[in-house]
C-alpha atoms as a PDB file:
ATOM      1  CA  UNK A   1     -53.090 -66.782 -96.139  1.00  0.00           C
ATOM      2  CA  UNK A   2     -51.621 -66.030 -99.624  1.00  0.00           C
ATOM      3  CA  UNK A   3     -53.923 -66.699-102.440  1.00  0.00           C
ATOM      4  CA  UNK A   4     -53.253 -66.856-106.103  1.00  0.00           C
ATOM      5  CA  UNK A   5     -55.397 -66.174-109.136  1.00  0.00           C
ATOM      6  CA  UNK A   6     -55.148 -65.557-112.677  1.00  0.00           C
ATOM      7  CA  UNK A   7     -56.064 -66.526-116.293  1.00  0.00           C
ATOM      8  CA  UNK A   8     -54.794 -69.578-118.180  1.00  0.00           C
ATOM      9  CA  UNK A   9     -55.298 -69.741-122.001  1.00  0.00           C
ATOM     10  CA  UNK A  10     -55.411 -73.070-123.684  1.00  0.00           C
ATOM     11  CA  UNK A  11     -54.293 -72.640-127.285  1.00  0.00           C
ATOM     12  CA  UNK A  12     -53.769 -75.160-130.090  1.00  0.00           C
ATOM     13  CA  UNK A  13     -55.238 -76.416-133.411  1.00  0.00           C
ATOM     14  CA  UNK A  14     -58.779 -77.552-133.637  1.00  0.00           C
ATOM     15  CA  UNK A  15     -59.590 -80.841-131.871  1.00  0.00           C
ATOM     16  CA  UNK A  16     -56.408 -80.796-129.766  1.00  0.00           C
ATOM     17  CA  UNK A  17     -58.499 -81.464-126.677  1.00  0.00           C
ATOM     18  CA  UNK A  18     -58.811 -77.973-125.174  1.00  0.00           C
ATOM     19  CA  UNK A  19     -62.469 -78.331-124.235  1.00  0.00           C
ATOM     20  CA  UNK A  20     -61.925 -81.815-122.711  1.00  0.00           C
ATOM     21  CA  UNK A  21     -59.110 -80.451-120.627  1.00  0.00           C
ATOM     22  CA  UNK A  22     -61.016 -77.349-119.460  1.00  0.00           C
ATOM     23  CA  UNK A  23     -63.783 -79.572-118.275  1.00  0.00           C
ATOM     24  CA  UNK A  24     -61.592 -82.143-116.463  1.00  0.00           C
ATOM     25  CA  UNK A  25     -59.724 -79.168-114.773  1.00  0.00           C
ATOM     26  CA  UNK A  26     -62.881 -77.497-113.716  1.00  0.00           C
ATOM     27  CA  UNK A  27     -64.649 -80.805-112.752  1.00  0.00           C
ATOM     28  CA  UNK A  28     -67.856 -79.992-114.702  1.00  0.00           C
ATOM     29  CA  UNK A  29     -68.870 -79.624-118.232  1.00  0.00           C
ATOM     30  CA  UNK A  30     -68.407 -75.897-119.192  1.00  0.00           C
ATOM     31  CA  UNK A  31     -67.214 -76.370-122.659  1.00  0.00           C
ATOM     32  CA  UNK A  32     -68.806 -78.310-125.439  1.00  0.00           C
ATOM     33  CA  UNK A  33     -66.935 -81.315-126.635  1.00  0.00           C
ATOM     34  CA  UNK A  34     -67.489 -83.137-129.953  1.00  0.00           C
ATOM     35  CA  UNK A  35     -65.463 -85.076-132.493  1.00  0.00           C
ATOM     36  CA  UNK A  36     -65.964 -82.193-134.963  1.00  0.00           C
ATOM     37  CA  UNK A  37     -63.429 -79.367-135.164  1.00  0.00           C
ATOM     38  CA  UNK A  38     -64.153 -75.762-134.601  1.00  0.00           C
ATOM     39  CA  UNK A  39     -66.937 -76.338-132.045  1.00  0.00           C
ATOM     40  CA  UNK A  40     -65.706 -73.935-129.501  1.00  0.00           C
ATOM     41  CA  UNK A  41     -66.745 -70.465-130.843  1.00  0.00           C
ATOM     42  CA  UNK A  42     -66.532 -68.184-127.815  1.00  0.00           C
ATOM     43  CA  UNK A  43     -63.839 -68.024-125.229  1.00  0.00           C
ATOM     44  CA  UNK A  44     -65.342 -70.181-122.515  1.00  0.00           C
ATOM     45  CA  UNK A  45     -63.977 -69.362-119.069  1.00  0.00           C
ATOM     46  CA  UNK A  46     -63.974 -72.192-116.557  1.00  0.00           C
ATOM     47  CA  UNK A  47     -63.045 -71.687-113.066  1.00  0.00           C
ATOM     48  CA  UNK A  48     -61.001 -74.327-111.070  1.00  0.00           C
ATOM     49  CA  UNK A  49     -59.598 -74.364-107.596  1.00  0.00           C
ATOM     50  CA  UNK A  50     -56.298 -75.847-106.604  1.00  0.00           C
ATOM     51  CA  UNK A  51     -55.344 -75.371-102.824  1.00  0.00           C
ATOM     52  CA  UNK A  52     -55.312 -71.623-102.297  1.00  0.00           C
ATOM     53  CA  UNK A  53     -55.186 -70.804-105.937  1.00  0.00           C
ATOM     54  CA  UNK A  54     -58.051 -69.954-108.394  1.00  0.00           C
ATOM     55  CA  UNK A  55     -57.327 -70.898-112.011  1.00  0.00           C
ATOM     56  CA  UNK A  56     -59.438 -69.395-114.528  1.00  0.00           C
ATOM     57  CA  UNK A  57     -59.275 -71.183-117.867  1.00  0.00           C
ATOM     58  CA  UNK A  58     -59.862 -69.616-121.113  1.00  0.00           C
ATOM     59  CA  UNK A  59     -60.655 -72.415-123.641  1.00  0.00           C
ATOM     60  CA  UNK A  60     -60.167 -70.713-126.964  1.00  0.00           C
ATOM     61  CA  UNK A  61     -61.400 -71.732-130.391  1.00  0.00           C
ATOM     62  CA  UNK A  62     -58.896 -73.776-132.244  1.00  0.00           C
ATOM     63  CA  UNK A  63     -56.275 -71.786-134.291  1.00  0.00           C
ATOM     64  CA  UNK A  64     -56.671 -72.508-138.073  1.00  0.00           C
ATOM     65  CA  UNK A  65     -56.327 -70.635-141.315  1.00  0.00           C
ATOM     66  CA  UNK A  66     -59.600 -68.595-141.395  1.00  0.00           C
ATOM     67  CA  UNK A  67     -61.690 -68.218-144.579  1.00  0.00           C
ATOM     68  CA  UNK A  68     -64.898 -66.841-143.557  1.00  0.00           C
ATOM     69  CA  UNK A  69     -65.987 -63.942-141.299  1.00  0.00           C
ATOM     70  CA  UNK A  70     -66.944 -66.401-138.514  1.00  0.00           C
ATOM     71  CA  UNK A  71     -63.496 -68.178-138.808  1.00  0.00           C
ATOM     72  CA  UNK A  72     -61.781 -64.728-138.463  1.00  0.00           C
ATOM     73  CA  UNK A  73     -63.718 -63.804-135.353  1.00  0.00           C
ATOM     74  CA  UNK A  74     -62.942 -67.207-133.905  1.00  0.00           C
ATOM     75  CA  UNK A  75     -59.194 -66.980-134.543  1.00  0.00           C
ATOM     76  CA  UNK A  76     -59.143 -63.314-133.213  1.00  0.00           C
ATOM     77  CA  UNK A  77     -60.845 -64.492-129.960  1.00  0.00           C
ATOM     78  CA  UNK A  78     -58.324 -67.285-129.578  1.00  0.00           C
ATOM     79  CA  UNK A  79     -55.334 -64.852-129.937  1.00  0.00           C
ATOM     80  CA  UNK A  80     -57.185 -62.391-127.727  1.00  0.00           C
ATOM     81  CA  UNK A  81     -57.493 -64.934-124.967  1.00  0.00           C
ATOM     82  CA  UNK A  82     -53.908 -65.724-125.198  1.00  0.00           C
ATOM     83  CA  UNK A  83     -52.604 -62.146-125.096  1.00  0.00           C
ATOM     84  CA  UNK A  84     -54.843 -61.383-122.016  1.00  0.00           C
ATOM     85  CA  UNK A  85     -53.653 -64.470-120.087  1.00  0.00           C
ATOM     86  CA  UNK A  86     -51.082 -64.940-117.220  1.00  0.00           C
ATOM     87  CA  UNK A  87     -50.141 -68.389-118.545  1.00  0.00           C
ATOM     88  CA  UNK A  88     -50.522 -69.745-122.029  1.00  0.00           C
ATOM     89  CA  UNK A  89     -50.509 -73.517-122.503  1.00  0.00           C
ATOM     90  CA  UNK A  90     -49.991 -74.777-126.121  1.00  0.00           C
ATOM     91  CA  UNK A  91     -51.920 -78.102-126.474  1.00  0.00           C
ATOM     92  CA  UNK A  92     -50.844 -80.495-129.178  1.00  0.00           C
ATOM     93  CA  UNK A  93     -51.917 -84.070-130.025  1.00  0.00           C
ATOM     94  CA  UNK A  94     -49.147 -86.651-129.351  1.00  0.00           C
ATOM     95  CA  UNK A  95     -49.935 -88.882-132.474  1.00  0.00           C
ATOM     96  CA  UNK A  96     -50.050 -85.960-134.758  1.00  0.00           C
ATOM     97  CA  UNK A  97     -46.709 -84.433-133.731  1.00  0.00           C
ATOM     98  CA  UNK A  98     -45.365 -81.138-134.896  1.00  0.00           C
ATOM     99  CA  UNK A  99     -47.794 -80.338-137.639  1.00  0.00           C
ATOM    100  CA  UNK A 100     -47.672 -77.437-140.106  1.00  0.00           C
ATOM    101  CA  UNK A 101     -50.527 -75.880-138.167  1.00  0.00           C
ATOM    102  CA  UNK A 102     -48.670 -76.267-134.774  1.00  0.00           C
ATOM    103  CA  UNK A 103     -45.497 -74.710-136.253  1.00  0.00           C
ATOM    104  CA  UNK A 104     -47.577 -71.841-137.451  1.00  0.00           C
ATOM    105  CA  UNK A 105     -48.891 -71.328-133.882  1.00  0.00           C
ATOM    106  CA  UNK A 106     -45.385 -71.557-132.460  1.00  0.00           C
ATOM    107  CA  UNK A 107     -44.109 -68.944-134.955  1.00  0.00           C
ATOM    108  CA  UNK A 108     -47.084 -66.713-134.008  1.00  0.00           C
ATOM    109  CA  UNK A 109     -46.387 -67.101-130.276  1.00  0.00           C
ATOM    110  CA  UNK A 110     -43.062 -65.255-130.821  1.00  0.00           C
ATOM    111  CA  UNK A 111     -44.937 -62.280-132.201  1.00  0.00           C
ATOM    112  CA  UNK A 112     -48.137 -62.268-130.114  1.00  0.00           C
ATOM    113  CA  UNK A 113     -47.039 -63.248-126.666  1.00  0.00           C
ATOM    114  CA  UNK A 114     -45.268 -60.742-124.474  1.00  0.00           C
ATOM    115  CA  UNK A 115     -41.823 -61.789-123.110  1.00  0.00           C
ATOM    116  CA  UNK A 116     -43.157 -61.649-119.411  1.00  0.00           C
ATOM    117  CA  UNK A 117     -45.929 -64.237-120.202  1.00  0.00           C
ATOM    118  CA  UNK A 118     -45.302 -67.911-119.162  1.00  0.00           C
ATOM    119  CA  UNK A 119     -45.773 -70.355-121.927  1.00  0.00           C
ATOM    120  CA  UNK A 120     -45.972 -74.050-121.214  1.00  0.00           C
ATOM    121  CA  UNK A 121     -46.390 -77.172-123.450  1.00  0.00           C
ATOM    122  CA  UNK A 122     -48.871 -79.939-122.920  1.00  0.00           C
ATOM    123  CA  UNK A 123     -48.568 -82.977-125.063  1.00  0.00           C
ATOM    124  CA  UNK A 124     -52.122 -84.542-125.059  1.00  0.00           C
ATOM    125  CA  UNK A 125     -53.463 -88.005-125.955  1.00  0.00           C
ATOM    126  CA  UNK A 126     -50.231 -89.660-124.780  1.00  0.00           C
ATOM    127  CA  UNK A 127     -51.804 -93.101-124.612  1.00  0.00           C
ATOM    128  CA  UNK A 128     -51.681 -93.131-128.465  1.00  0.00           C
ATOM    129  CA  UNK A 129     -47.846 -93.228-128.879  1.00  0.00           C
ATOM    130  CA  UNK A 130     -44.908 -94.960-127.609  1.00  0.00           C
ATOM    131  CA  UNK A 131     -42.639 -93.308-124.779  1.00  0.00           C
ATOM    132  CA  UNK A 132     -39.526 -92.870-127.099  1.00  0.00           C
ATOM    133  CA  UNK A 133     -41.745 -91.081-129.646  1.00  0.00           C
ATOM    134  CA  UNK A 134     -43.183 -88.701-126.860  1.00  0.00           C
ATOM    135  CA  UNK A 135     -39.670 -87.820-125.615  1.00  0.00           C
ATOM    136  CA  UNK A 136     -38.372 -87.108-129.131  1.00  0.00           C
ATOM    137  CA  UNK A 137     -41.483 -84.952-129.792  1.00  0.00           C
ATOM    138  CA  UNK A 138     -40.954 -83.038-126.706  1.00  0.00           C
ATOM    139  CA  UNK A 139     -37.348 -82.421-127.351  1.00  0.00           C
ATOM    140  CA  UNK A 140     -38.252 -81.171-130.939  1.00  0.00           C
ATOM    141  CA  UNK A 141     -40.887 -78.810-129.580  1.00  0.00           C
ATOM    142  CA  UNK A 142     -38.771 -77.382-127.037  1.00  0.00           C
ATOM    143  CA  UNK A 143     -36.178 -76.684-129.588  1.00  0.00           C
ATOM    144  CA  UNK A 144     -38.689 -74.848-131.499  1.00  0.00           C
ATOM    145  CA  UNK A 145     -39.855 -72.646-128.591  1.00  0.00           C
ATOM    146  CA  UNK A 146     -38.601 -71.933-125.073  1.00  0.00           C
ATOM    147  CA  UNK A 147     -41.372 -73.402-123.085  1.00  0.00           C
ATOM    148  CA  UNK A 148     -41.422 -72.915-119.333  1.00  0.00           C
ATOM    149  CA  UNK A 149     -42.375 -76.344-118.609  1.00  0.00           C
ATOM    150  CA  UNK A 150     -43.583 -79.466-120.656  1.00  0.00           C
ATOM    151  CA  UNK A 151     -46.233 -81.910-119.525  1.00  0.00           C
ATOM    152  CA  UNK A 152     -47.411 -85.216-120.890  1.00  0.00           C
ATOM    153  CA  UNK A 153     -51.188 -85.671-120.415  1.00  0.00           C
ATOM    154  CA  UNK A 154     -54.287 -87.371-121.435  1.00  0.00           C
ATOM    155  CA  UNK A 155     -57.126 -84.884-120.972  1.00  0.00           C
ATOM    156  CA  UNK A 156     -59.758 -87.692-121.468  1.00  0.00           C
ATOM    157  CA  UNK A 157     -58.259 -90.243-119.171  1.00  0.00           C
ATOM    158  CA  UNK A 158     -56.800 -87.671-116.686  1.00  0.00           C
ATOM    159  CA  UNK A 159     -53.211 -88.791-116.811  1.00  0.00           C
ATOM    160  CA  UNK A 160     -50.749 -86.070-115.937  1.00  0.00           C
ATOM    161  CA  UNK A 161     -53.497 -83.509-115.506  1.00  0.00           C
ATOM    162  CA  UNK A 162     -53.116 -83.173-111.703  1.00  0.00           C
ATOM    163  CA  UNK A 163     -49.359 -82.212-112.189  1.00  0.00           C
ATOM    164  CA  UNK A 164     -50.253 -79.597-114.832  1.00  0.00           C
ATOM    165  CA  UNK A 165     -52.834 -78.142-112.471  1.00  0.00           C
ATOM    166  CA  UNK A 166     -50.706 -78.020-109.454  1.00  0.00           C
ATOM    167  CA  UNK A 167     -47.891 -76.296-111.630  1.00  0.00           C
ATOM    168  CA  UNK A 168     -50.490 -73.722-112.844  1.00  0.00           C
ATOM    169  CA  UNK A 169     -51.656 -72.995-109.374  1.00  0.00           C
ATOM    170  CA  UNK A 170     -47.973 -72.469-107.972  1.00  0.00           C
ATOM    171  CA  UNK A 171     -47.089 -70.341-111.061  1.00  0.00           C
ATOM    172  CA  UNK A 172     -50.082 -67.870-111.065  1.00  0.00           C
ATOM    173  CA  UNK A 173     -49.348 -64.396-109.501  1.00  0.00           C
ATOM    174  CA  UNK A 174     -50.438 -63.689-105.950  1.00  0.00           C
ATOM    175  CA  UNK A 175     -53.884 -62.174-106.150  1.00  0.00           C
ATOM    176  CA  UNK A 176     -57.293 -62.279-104.507  1.00  0.00           C
ATOM    177  CA  UNK A 177     -59.654 -64.655-106.101  1.00  0.00           C
ATOM    178  CA  UNK A 178     -61.345 -63.292-109.192  1.00  0.00           C
ATOM    179  CA  UNK A 179     -64.819 -65.154-108.861  1.00  0.00           C
ATOM    180  CA  UNK A 180     -66.931 -66.413-105.982  1.00  0.00           C
ATOM    181  CA  UNK A 181     -65.746 -69.702-104.677  1.00  0.00           C
ATOM    182  CA  UNK A 182     -68.740 -71.713-106.112  1.00  0.00           C
ATOM    183  CA  UNK A 183     -68.722 -70.124-109.515  1.00  0.00           C
ATOM    184  CA  UNK A 184     -67.410 -72.438-112.283  1.00  0.00           C
ATOM    185  CA  UNK A 185     -67.887 -70.471-115.405  1.00  0.00           C
ATOM    186  CA  UNK A 186     -68.284 -66.771-116.311  1.00  0.00           C
ATOM    187  CA  UNK A 187     -70.509 -67.221-119.420  1.00  0.00           C
ATOM    188  CA  UNK A 188     -74.053 -66.202-118.753  1.00  0.00           C
ATOM    189  CA  UNK A 189     -76.273 -69.210-118.136  1.00  0.00           C
ATOM    190  CA  UNK A 190     -78.297 -68.356-121.136  1.00  0.00           C
ATOM    191  CA  UNK A 191     -75.200 -68.883-123.156  1.00  0.00           C
ATOM    192  CA  UNK A 192     -74.054 -72.075-121.587  1.00  0.00           C
ATOM    193  CA  UNK A 193     -77.532 -73.435-122.173  1.00  0.00           C
ATOM    194  CA  UNK A 194     -77.480 -72.426-125.853  1.00  0.00           C
ATOM    195  CA  UNK A 195     -73.934 -74.057-126.252  1.00  0.00           C
ATOM    196  CA  UNK A 196     -75.196 -77.334-124.695  1.00  0.00           C
ATOM    197  CA  UNK A 197     -78.098 -77.421-127.229  1.00  0.00           C
ATOM    198  CA  UNK A 198     -75.565 -76.622-130.114  1.00  0.00           C
ATOM    199  CA  UNK A 199     -73.452 -79.513-128.940  1.00  0.00           C
ATOM    200  CA  UNK A 200     -76.447 -81.893-129.368  1.00  0.00           C
ATOM    201  CA  UNK A 201     -77.149 -80.644-132.803  1.00  0.00           C
ATOM    202  CA  UNK A 202     -73.582 -81.008-133.753  1.00  0.00           C
ATOM    203  CA  UNK A 203     -73.407 -84.525-132.515  1.00  0.00           C
ATOM    204  CA  UNK A 204     -76.663 -85.552-134.155  1.00  0.00           C
ATOM    205  CA  UNK A 205     -76.384 -83.926-137.499  1.00  0.00           C
ATOM    206  CA  UNK A 206     -74.184 -84.843-140.481  1.00  0.00           C
ATOM    207  CA  UNK A 207     -71.004 -83.022-141.564  1.00  0.00           C
ATOM    208  CA  UNK A 208     -71.715 -79.704-143.315  1.00  0.00           C
ATOM    209  CA  UNK A 209     -74.455 -78.330-141.303  1.00  0.00           C
ATOM    210  CA  UNK A 210     -73.234 -77.677-137.689  1.00  0.00           C
ATOM    211  CA  UNK A 211     -70.903 -74.684-138.788  1.00  0.00           C
ATOM    212  CA  UNK A 212     -73.853 -73.087-140.422  1.00  0.00           C
ATOM    213  CA  UNK A 213     -76.184 -73.028-137.524  1.00  0.00           C
ATOM    214  CA  UNK A 214     -76.166 -71.081-134.184  1.00  0.00           C
ATOM    215  CA  UNK A 215     -78.442 -71.296-131.065  1.00  0.00           C
ATOM    216  CA  UNK A 216     -79.623 -68.433-129.012  1.00  0.00           C
ATOM    217  CA  UNK A 217     -81.518 -68.511-125.736  1.00  0.00           C
ATOM    218  CA  UNK A 218     -84.450 -66.041-126.338  1.00  0.00           C
ATOM    219  CA  UNK A 219     -86.352 -66.265-123.070  1.00  0.00           C
ATOM    220  CA  UNK A 220     -85.488 -67.535-119.577  1.00  0.00           C
ATOM    221  CA  UNK A 221     -88.308 -67.756-117.048  1.00  0.00           C
ATOM    222  CA  UNK A 222     -87.841 -68.733-113.518  1.00  0.00           C
ATOM    223  CA  UNK A 223     -91.081 -70.593-112.293  1.00  0.00           C
ATOM    224  CA  UNK A 224     -92.325 -70.548-108.882  1.00  0.00           C
ATOM    225  CA  UNK A 225     -92.064 -74.373-108.449  1.00  0.00           C
ATOM    226  CA  UNK A 226     -88.177 -73.799-108.849  1.00  0.00           C
ATOM    227  CA  UNK A 227     -88.072 -75.116-112.516  1.00  0.00           C
ATOM    228  CA  UNK A 228     -87.100 -72.965-115.366  1.00  0.00           C
ATOM    229  CA  UNK A 229     -88.576 -72.513-118.909  1.00  0.00           C
ATOM    230  CA  UNK A 230     -86.058 -71.855-121.678  1.00  0.00           C
ATOM    231  CA  UNK A 231     -87.094 -70.864-125.063  1.00  0.00           C
ATOM    232  CA  UNK A 232     -84.271 -71.227-127.707  1.00  0.00           C
ATOM    233  CA  UNK A 233     -84.005 -70.325-131.533  1.00  0.00           C
ATOM    234  CA  UNK A 234     -81.856 -72.276-133.797  1.00  0.00           C
ATOM    235  CA  UNK A 235     -80.724 -70.207-136.732  1.00  0.00           C
ATOM    236  CA  UNK A 236     -79.987 -71.921-140.022  1.00  0.00           C
ATOM    237  CA  UNK A 237     -78.940 -70.429-143.359  1.00  0.00           C
ATOM    238  CA  UNK A 238     -81.170 -72.245-145.727  1.00  0.00           C
ATOM    239  CA  UNK A 239     -84.763 -73.862-145.933  1.00  0.00           C
ATOM    240  CA  UNK A 240     -83.227 -77.340-146.655  1.00  0.00           C
ATOM    241  CA  UNK A 241     -81.259 -77.212-143.328  1.00  0.00           C
ATOM    242  CA  UNK A 242     -84.444 -76.410-141.510  1.00  0.00           C
ATOM    243  CA  UNK A 243     -85.853 -79.753-142.714  1.00  0.00           C
ATOM    244  CA  UNK A 244     -82.685 -81.696-141.520  1.00  0.00           C
ATOM    245  CA  UNK A 245     -82.795 -80.019-138.007  1.00  0.00           C
ATOM    246  CA  UNK A 246     -86.503 -80.967-137.657  1.00  0.00           C
ATOM    247  CA  UNK A 247     -86.169 -84.379-139.149  1.00  0.00           C
ATOM    248  CA  UNK A 248     -88.943 -86.811-140.239  1.00  0.00           C
ATOM    249  CA  UNK A 249     -92.121 -85.863-138.361  1.00  0.00           C
ATOM    250  CA  UNK A 250     -89.929 -83.551-135.954  1.00  0.00           C
ATOM    251  CA  UNK A 251     -88.135 -86.751-134.582  1.00  0.00           C
ATOM    252  CA  UNK A 252     -84.579 -85.165-134.773  1.00  0.00           C
ATOM    253  CA  UNK A 253     -85.499 -81.968-133.022  1.00  0.00           C
ATOM    254  CA  UNK A 254     -87.385 -83.862-130.478  1.00  0.00           C
ATOM    255  CA  UNK A 255     -84.372 -86.115-129.715  1.00  0.00           C
ATOM    256  CA  UNK A 256     -82.044 -83.124-129.744  1.00  0.00           C
ATOM    257  CA  UNK A 257     -84.453 -81.338-127.365  1.00  0.00           C
ATOM    258  CA  UNK A 258     -84.597 -84.040-124.900  1.00  0.00           C
ATOM    259  CA  UNK A 259     -80.839 -84.651-124.722  1.00  0.00           C
ATOM    260  CA  UNK A 260     -80.166 -80.874-124.250  1.00  0.00           C
ATOM    261  CA  UNK A 261     -82.810 -80.585-121.601  1.00  0.00           C
ATOM    262  CA  UNK A 262     -81.479 -83.456-119.602  1.00  0.00           C
ATOM    263  CA  UNK A 263     -77.975 -81.980-119.780  1.00  0.00           C
ATOM    264  CA  UNK A 264     -79.122 -78.365-118.943  1.00  0.00           C
ATOM    265  CA  UNK A 265     -81.248 -79.772-115.960  1.00  0.00           C
ATOM    266  CA  UNK A 266     -78.232 -81.785-114.683  1.00  0.00           C
ATOM    267  CA  UNK A 267     -76.059 -78.631-114.861  1.00  0.00           C
ATOM    268  CA  UNK A 268     -78.555 -76.355-113.088  1.00  0.00           C
ATOM    269  CA  UNK A 269     -79.569 -79.069-110.703  1.00  0.00           C
ATOM    270  CA  UNK A 270     -83.331 -78.428-111.192  1.00  0.00           C
ATOM    271  CA  UNK A 271     -86.141 -79.189-113.660  1.00  0.00           C
ATOM    272  CA  UNK A 272     -85.920 -77.532-117.059  1.00  0.00           C
ATOM    273  CA  UNK A 273     -88.706 -76.993-119.635  1.00  0.00           C
ATOM    274  CA  UNK A 274     -86.951 -76.575-122.935  1.00  0.00           C
ATOM    275  CA  UNK A 275     -88.714 -75.302-126.183  1.00  0.00           C
ATOM    276  CA  UNK A 276     -86.790 -75.224-129.447  1.00  0.00           C
ATOM    277  CA  UNK A 277     -87.704 -73.525-132.731  1.00  0.00           C
ATOM    278  CA  UNK A 278     -85.850 -73.383-135.953  1.00  0.00           C
ATOM    279  CA  UNK A 279     -85.652 -70.200-138.067  1.00  0.00           C
ATOM    280  CA  UNK A 280     -83.987 -69.641-141.524  1.00  0.00           C
ATOM    281  CA  UNK A 281     -81.717 -66.611-141.578  1.00  0.00           C
ATOM    282  CA  UNK A 282     -79.761 -66.660-144.656  1.00  0.00           C
ATOM    283  CA  UNK A 283     -77.093 -64.242-143.652  1.00  0.00           C
ATOM    284  CA  UNK A 284     -76.690 -64.914-139.928  1.00  0.00           C
ATOM    285  CA  UNK A 285     -73.013 -65.441-140.473  1.00  0.00           C
ATOM    286  CA  UNK A 286     -72.818 -61.796-141.651  1.00  0.00           C
ATOM    287  CA  UNK A 287     -75.045 -60.481-138.738  1.00  0.00           C
ATOM    288  CA  UNK A 288     -73.189 -58.336-136.061  1.00  0.00           C
ATOM    289  CA  UNK A 289     -75.851 -59.132-133.455  1.00  0.00           C
ATOM    290  CA  UNK A 290     -75.332 -63.019-133.766  1.00  0.00           C
ATOM    291  CA  UNK A 291     -71.694 -62.514-133.197  1.00  0.00           C
ATOM    292  CA  UNK A 292     -72.262 -60.450-130.016  1.00  0.00           C
ATOM    293  CA  UNK A 293     -74.578 -63.236-128.856  1.00  0.00           C
ATOM    294  CA  UNK A 294     -71.748 -65.715-129.138  1.00  0.00           C
ATOM    295  CA  UNK A 295     -69.313 -63.405-127.383  1.00  0.00           C
ATOM    296  CA  UNK A 296     -67.291 -62.807-130.559  1.00  0.00           C
ATOM    297  CA  UNK A 297     -66.116 -59.636-132.256  1.00  0.00           C
ATOM    298  CA  UNK A 298     -67.676 -58.797-135.495  1.00  0.00           C
ATOM    299  CA  UNK A 299     -64.701 -57.837-137.768  1.00  0.00           C
ATOM    300  CA  UNK A 300     -63.875 -56.986-141.301  1.00  0.00           C
ATOM    301  CA  UNK A 301     -60.566 -57.856-143.053  1.00  0.00           C
ATOM    302  CA  UNK A 302     -57.907 -60.419-142.088  1.00  0.00           C
ATOM    303  CA  UNK A 303     -56.838 -61.087-138.607  1.00  0.00           C
END
């Protein structure tokens, strides 16, 4: 039997639907999804099976104009994921069309992607626009870049996703599978658990706070009864943020902890005891150790 395997990098602007598409392809939640932009920080690898092919999805952080060190590290991770992939899929939002940001990504593709890499286009959220608008947009994008194939999809509703998945499976190189058959992500469980907690924080808290906090799994203890105890630290950059995370009489952190515990337990398929603490670390965004915890490169200068 001939098997195929390889890496598929999903790139695009923040909030284009890359995490939603990764999760749908994999059939499980391996990437955090929120309505806020820039929630994916590290390159999350989700593993999907299609026939005799194993597709390893690299869900990259959204590409945007970086301002801070964390931004630069996220953008570098996204382009690094694209450069290493067998196939690159540019995901754009149908209702937003060819934005300035997407045009910048297309221009960068010409410099950053090698000629032997396959680049496909996926126009997402197609349920938001009329068919003639979609066709015109597809033609415009294909004039801007020689995409190998174009797909019309809705990552959220599943429209067109099976066609894209089949094409990816057929296009990947012949290769033994890269991961065990039952493995759906290559992030350590400690990091996936931290990401799940960070998602709950992002959804619960107001606008400016989520980008200025990070979550780390400090201890992971397997218990004899089959359950697991997880201790996590939430780092914020100022005292005022600590109060917001804790909430009145600790109500906010209690609700976040319950939601995160339920999701981690469902993912692991066993009981979870989750303990959260909040610590102020003013300069965590300039701390190399925090970056390596997130799977990002600590870098100076412009990307």
